[in-house]
Amino acid sequence: MAQLQQLQADMRSALARGDYSRVRQLDDTCTVVLDKLIELNRERPGALLQAMADVKQMYADLLYQCQTLAQVC
């Protein structure tokens, strides 16, 4: 879970810097991390659901930031 949290922080930081190629790279990494989390937490659905909720919120935040930036331009 710590790896996912770090990934989320890195994505937010990259977006804040306007480093969209890094955001894309981290998005690809997120897929790999989520696959690993699913595999490791098959017997712990509560932990997996929390991780998915965190990822969902992260993407909602990223989309909001993108919309805000698009309105400025």
C-alpha atoms as a PDB file:
ATOM      1  CA  MET A   1       0.000   0.000   0.000  1.00  0.00           C
ATOM      2  CA  ALA A   2       2.920   2.334   0.688  1.00  0.00           C
ATOM      3  CA  GLN A   3       4.035   1.977  -2.923  1.00  0.00           C
ATOM      4  CA  LEU A   4       0.592   3.055  -4.110  1.00  0.00           C
ATOM      5  CA  GLN A   5       0.600   6.054  -1.784  1.00  0.00           C
ATOM      6  CA  GLN A   6       4.017   7.124  -3.068  1.00  0.00           C
ATOM      7  CA  LEU A   7       2.822   6.708  -6.640  1.00  0.00           C
ATOM      8  CA  GLN A   8      -0.177   8.917  -5.918  1.00  0.00           C
ATOM      9  CA  ALA A   9       2.054  11.598  -4.397  1.00  0.00           C
ATOM     10  CA  ASP A  10       4.403  11.426  -7.388  1.00  0.00           C
ATOM     11  CA  MET A  11       1.496  11.793  -9.823  1.00  0.00           C
ATOM     12  CA  ARG A  12       0.148  14.834  -8.000  1.00  0.00           C
ATOM     13  CA  SER A  13       3.609  16.385  -7.915  1.00  0.00           C
ATOM     14  CA  ALA A  14       4.219  15.756 -11.626  1.00  0.00           C
ATOM     15  CA  LEU A  15       0.882  17.304 -12.513  1.00  0.00           C
ATOM     16  CA  ALA A  16       1.586  20.336 -10.339  1.00  0.00           C
ATOM     17  CA  ARG A  17       4.876  20.819 -12.240  1.00  0.00           C
ATOM     18  CA  GLY A  18       3.128  20.375 -15.582  1.00  0.00           C
ATOM     19  CA  ASP A  19       5.236  17.307 -16.334  1.00  0.00           C
ATOM     20  CA  TYR A  20       2.603  15.460 -18.353  1.00  0.00           C
ATOM     21  CA  SER A  21       4.954  12.857 -19.768  1.00  0.00           C
ATOM     22  CA  ARG A  22       5.816  11.878 -16.185  1.00  0.00           C
ATOM     23  CA  VAL A  23       2.107  11.738 -15.295  1.00  0.00           C
ATOM     24  CA  ARG A  24       1.589   9.363 -18.214  1.00  0.00           C
ATOM     25  CA  GLN A  25       4.534   7.210 -17.161  1.00  0.00           C
ATOM     26  CA  LEU A  26       3.236   7.065 -13.595  1.00  0.00           C
ATOM     27  CA  ASP A  27      -0.237   6.198 -14.889  1.00  0.00           C
ATOM     28  CA  ASP A  28       1.264   3.178 -16.645  1.00  0.00           C
ATOM     29  CA  THR A  29       3.084   2.242 -13.448  1.00  0.00           C
ATOM     30  CA  CYS A  30      -0.172   2.552 -11.533  1.00  0.00           C
ATOM     31  CA  THR A  31      -1.646  -0.271 -13.612  1.00  0.00           C
ATOM     32  CA  VAL A  32       1.219  -2.563 -12.648  1.00  0.00           C
ATOM     33  CA  VAL A  33       0.983  -1.625  -8.967  1.00  0.00           C
ATOM     34  CA  LEU A  34      -2.760  -2.216  -8.925  1.00  0.00           C
ATOM     35  CA  ASP A  35      -2.328  -5.641 -10.508  1.00  0.00           C
ATOM     36  CA  LYS A  36       0.148  -6.532  -7.757  1.00  0.00           C
ATOM     37  CA  LEU A  37      -2.178  -5.221  -5.046  1.00  0.00           C
ATOM     38  CA  ILE A  38      -5.044  -7.298  -6.398  1.00  0.00           C
ATOM     39  CA  GLU A  39      -2.889 -10.407  -6.395  1.00  0.00           C
ATOM     40  CA  LEU A  40      -1.529  -9.810  -2.896  1.00  0.00           C
ATOM     41  CA  ASN A  41      -4.874  -8.911  -1.325  1.00  0.00           C
ATOM     42  CA  ARG A  42      -7.231 -11.495  -2.781  1.00  0.00           C
ATOM     43  CA  GLU A  43      -7.870 -12.776   0.736  1.00  0.00           C
ATOM     44  CA  ARG A  44      -8.241  -9.267   2.173  1.00  0.00           C
ATOM     45  CA  PRO A  45     -11.006  -7.620   0.158  1.00  0.00           C
ATOM     46  CA  GLY A  46     -11.345  -4.753   2.642  1.00  0.00           C
ATOM     47  CA  ALA A  47      -7.755  -3.637   2.085  1.00  0.00           C
ATOM     48  CA  LEU A  48      -8.193  -3.952  -1.656  1.00  0.00           C
ATOM     49  CA  LEU A  49     -11.405  -1.912  -1.626  1.00  0.00           C
ATOM     50  CA  GLN A  50      -9.698   0.858   0.333  1.00  0.00           C
ATOM     51  CA  ALA A  51      -6.807   0.912  -2.123  1.00  0.00           C
ATOM     52  CA  MET A  52      -9.240   1.154  -5.049  1.00  0.00           C
ATOM     53  CA  ALA A  53     -11.148   3.968  -3.331  1.00  0.00           C
ATOM     54  CA  ASP A  54      -7.860   5.840  -2.846  1.00  0.00           C
ATOM     55  CA  VAL A  55      -6.957   5.410  -6.516  1.00  0.00           C
ATOM     56  CA  LYS A  56     -10.413   6.538  -7.595  1.00  0.00           C
ATOM     57  CA  GLN A  57     -10.060   9.698  -5.503  1.00  0.00           C
ATOM     58  CA  MET A  58      -6.583  10.347  -6.870  1.00  0.00           C
ATOM     59  CA  TYR A  59      -7.851  10.224 -10.457  1.00  0.00           C
ATOM     60  CA  ALA A  60     -10.807  12.441  -9.575  1.00  0.00           C
ATOM     61  CA  ASP A  61      -8.354  14.967  -8.125  1.00  0.00           C
ATOM     62  CA  LEU A  62      -6.114  14.734 -11.193  1.00  0.00           C
ATOM     63  CA  LEU A  63      -9.033  15.267 -13.549  1.00  0.00           C
ATOM     64  CA  TYR A  64     -10.189  18.270 -11.539  1.00  0.00           C
ATOM     65  CA  GLN A  65      -6.695  19.765 -11.722  1.00  0.00           C
ATOM     66  CA  CYS A  66      -6.577  19.156 -15.470  1.00  0.00           C
ATOM     67  CA  GLN A  67      -9.946  20.859 -15.935  1.00  0.00           C
ATOM     68  CA  THR A  68      -8.770  23.823 -13.876  1.00  0.00           C
ATOM     69  CA  LEU A  69      -5.589  24.106 -15.933  1.00  0.00           C
ATOM     70  CA  ALA A  70      -7.541  23.847 -19.190  1.00  0.00           C
ATOM     71  CA  GLN A  71      -9.772  26.742 -18.153  1.00  0.00           C
ATOM     72  CA  VAL A  72      -6.735  28.925 -17.469  1.00  0.00           C
ATOM     73  CA  CYS A  73      -5.248  28.346 -20.931  1.00  0.00           C
END
